[in-house]
Amino acid sequence: MKLGNIKIEVDGSKCRNPMECQKCMRVCPQVVFAAIPTKPKKYELSKDFSLFAPFEAACVLCNLCTSVCPNDAIKITSRGGEKTP
């Protein structure tokens, strides 16, 4: 499988608060993940965040994120649909 030919999906129903956990964001050697506020309000700090992978093309398929996720919220597949090793 060629690098850059993958898709990283984060199940928001399983990943409830990525800013408290941060395990995938800390372990990823390519800094693939980011968290954004789900309900941003002007002049207020957000408490609710959503995790996504804006830099999935940089993923090196180490699968560290999937192994440290306590909720099994991260799935890495090829663009063709097959699951990565």
C-alpha atoms as a PDB file:
ATOM      1  CA  MET A   1       0.000   0.000   0.000  1.00  0.00           C
ATOM      2  CA  LYS A   2       1.402   3.384  -0.969  1.00  0.00           C
ATOM      3  CA  LEU A   3       1.712   6.073   1.659  1.00  0.00           C
ATOM      4  CA  GLY A   4      -0.839   8.813   1.158  1.00  0.00           C
ATOM      5  CA  ASN A   5      -3.368   6.246  -0.077  1.00  0.00           C
ATOM      6  CA  ILE A   6      -4.985   5.839   3.323  1.00  0.00           C
ATOM      7  CA  LYS A   7      -8.020   7.164   5.142  1.00  0.00           C
ATOM      8  CA  ILE A   8      -8.142   7.824   8.878  1.00  0.00           C
ATOM      9  CA  GLU A   9     -11.587   7.820  10.436  1.00  0.00           C
ATOM     10  CA  VAL A  10     -12.352   8.943  13.983  1.00  0.00           C
ATOM     11  CA  ASP A  11     -15.637   7.805  15.521  1.00  0.00           C
ATOM     12  CA  GLY A  12     -16.863  10.871  17.379  1.00  0.00           C
ATOM     13  CA  SER A  13     -19.282   8.801  19.440  1.00  0.00           C
ATOM     14  CA  LYS A  14     -16.335   6.878  20.887  1.00  0.00           C
ATOM     15  CA  CYS A  15     -13.864   9.763  21.115  1.00  0.00           C
ATOM     16  CA  ARG A  16     -15.770  11.997  23.511  1.00  0.00           C
ATOM     17  CA  ASN A  17     -13.102  14.464  24.650  1.00  0.00           C
ATOM     18  CA  PRO A  18      -9.794  14.324  22.760  1.00  0.00           C
ATOM     19  CA  MET A  19      -8.344  17.291  24.664  1.00  0.00           C
ATOM     20  CA  GLU A  20      -8.531  15.379  27.948  1.00  0.00           C
ATOM     21  CA  CYS A  21      -7.175  12.126  26.518  1.00  0.00           C
ATOM     22  CA  GLN A  22      -4.664  13.322  23.887  1.00  0.00           C
ATOM     23  CA  LYS A  23      -3.109   9.851  23.607  1.00  0.00           C
ATOM     24  CA  CYS A  24      -3.246   9.648  19.807  1.00  0.00           C
ATOM     25  CA  MET A  25      -2.080  13.230  19.392  1.00  0.00           C
ATOM     26  CA  ARG A  26       0.915  12.640  21.648  1.00  0.00           C
ATOM     27  CA  VAL A  27       2.005   9.313  20.190  1.00  0.00           C
ATOM     28  CA  CYS A  28       1.706  10.137  16.472  1.00  0.00           C
ATOM     29  CA  PRO A  29       5.213  10.700  15.044  1.00  0.00           C
ATOM     30  CA  GLN A  30       3.800  12.587  12.040  1.00  0.00           C
ATOM     31  CA  VAL A  31       1.389  14.836  14.004  1.00  0.00           C
ATOM     32  CA  VAL A  32      -1.549  13.703  11.877  1.00  0.00           C
ATOM     33  CA  PHE A  33      -4.302  14.577  14.381  1.00  0.00           C
ATOM     34  CA  ALA A  34      -5.881  17.825  15.529  1.00  0.00           C
ATOM     35  CA  ALA A  35      -8.789  18.741  17.771  1.00  0.00           C
ATOM     36  CA  ILE A  36     -11.202  21.555  17.009  1.00  0.00           C
ATOM     37  CA  PRO A  37     -13.974  23.047  19.136  1.00  0.00           C
ATOM     38  CA  THR A  38     -17.362  21.545  18.282  1.00  0.00           C
ATOM     39  CA  LYS A  39     -19.402  24.486  19.600  1.00  0.00           C
ATOM     40  CA  PRO A  40     -17.214  27.577  19.377  1.00  0.00           C
ATOM     41  CA  LYS A  41     -18.585  30.701  21.032  1.00  0.00           C
ATOM     42  CA  LYS A  42     -17.131  34.129  20.684  1.00  0.00           C
ATOM     43  CA  TYR A  43     -14.992  35.185  23.678  1.00  0.00           C
ATOM     44  CA  GLU A  44     -15.397  31.820  25.466  1.00  0.00           C
ATOM     45  CA  LEU A  45     -13.050  28.876  25.869  1.00  0.00           C
ATOM     46  CA  SER A  46     -14.564  25.748  24.423  1.00  0.00           C
ATOM     47  CA  LYS A  47     -15.012  22.606  26.496  1.00  0.00           C
ATOM     48  CA  ASP A  48     -16.148  20.315  23.677  1.00  0.00           C
ATOM     49  CA  PHE A  49     -13.742  19.206  20.972  1.00  0.00           C
ATOM     50  CA  SER A  50     -13.795  16.900  17.988  1.00  0.00           C
ATOM     51  CA  LEU A  51     -10.779  14.929  16.782  1.00  0.00           C
ATOM     52  CA  PHE A  52      -9.936  14.659  13.102  1.00  0.00           C
ATOM     53  CA  ALA A  53      -6.920  13.862  10.910  1.00  0.00           C
ATOM     54  CA  PRO A  54      -6.199  16.856   8.661  1.00  0.00           C
ATOM     55  CA  PHE A  55      -2.752  15.546   7.770  1.00  0.00           C
ATOM     56  CA  GLU A  56      -3.625  11.911   7.014  1.00  0.00           C
ATOM     57  CA  ALA A  57      -1.434  12.011   3.893  1.00  0.00           C
ATOM     58  CA  ALA A  58       1.579  12.227   6.242  1.00  0.00           C
ATOM     59  CA  CYS A  59       0.604   9.006   8.052  1.00  0.00           C
ATOM     60  CA  VAL A  60       3.350   6.354   7.984  1.00  0.00           C
ATOM     61  CA  LEU A  61       1.013   3.508   9.032  1.00  0.00           C
ATOM     62  CA  CYS A  62       2.746   2.871  12.348  1.00  0.00           C
ATOM     63  CA  ASN A  63      -0.701   2.261  13.946  1.00  0.00           C
ATOM     64  CA  LEU A  64       0.458   3.718  17.253  1.00  0.00           C
ATOM     65  CA  CYS A  65      -2.717   5.817  17.398  1.00  0.00           C
ATOM     66  CA  THR A  66      -4.992   2.798  17.069  1.00  0.00           C
ATOM     67  CA  SER A  67      -3.063   0.872  19.708  1.00  0.00           C
ATOM     68  CA  VAL A  68      -3.160   3.656  22.350  1.00  0.00           C
ATOM     69  CA  CYS A  69      -6.777   4.722  21.817  1.00  0.00           C
ATOM     70  CA  PRO A  70      -8.674   3.518  24.905  1.00  0.00           C
ATOM     71  CA  ASN A  71     -12.023   3.629  23.071  1.00  0.00           C
ATOM     72  CA  ASP A  72     -11.074   2.021  19.733  1.00  0.00           C
ATOM     73  CA  ALA A  73     -12.238   5.218  18.013  1.00  0.00           C
ATOM     74  CA  ILE A  74      -9.608   5.357  15.244  1.00  0.00           C
ATOM     75  CA  LYS A  75      -9.764   3.267  12.091  1.00  0.00           C
ATOM     76  CA  ILE A  76      -7.144   3.352   9.347  1.00  0.00           C
ATOM     77  CA  THR A  77      -8.099   1.935   5.967  1.00  0.00           C
ATOM     78  CA  SER A  78      -6.795   2.178   2.428  1.00  0.00           C
ATOM     79  CA  ARG A  79      -8.711   4.297  -0.056  1.00  0.00           C
ATOM     80  CA  GLY A  80      -9.808   0.987  -1.571  1.00  0.00           C
ATOM     81  CA  GLY A  81     -11.460  -0.047   1.694  1.00  0.00           C
ATOM     82  CA  GLU A  82      -9.031  -2.652   3.018  1.00  0.00           C
ATOM     83  CA  LYS A  83      -7.950  -2.412   6.649  1.00  0.00           C
ATOM     84  CA  THR A  84      -4.292  -1.692   7.385  1.00  0.00           C
ATOM     85  CA  PRO A  85      -2.139  -4.247   9.214  1.00  0.00           C
END
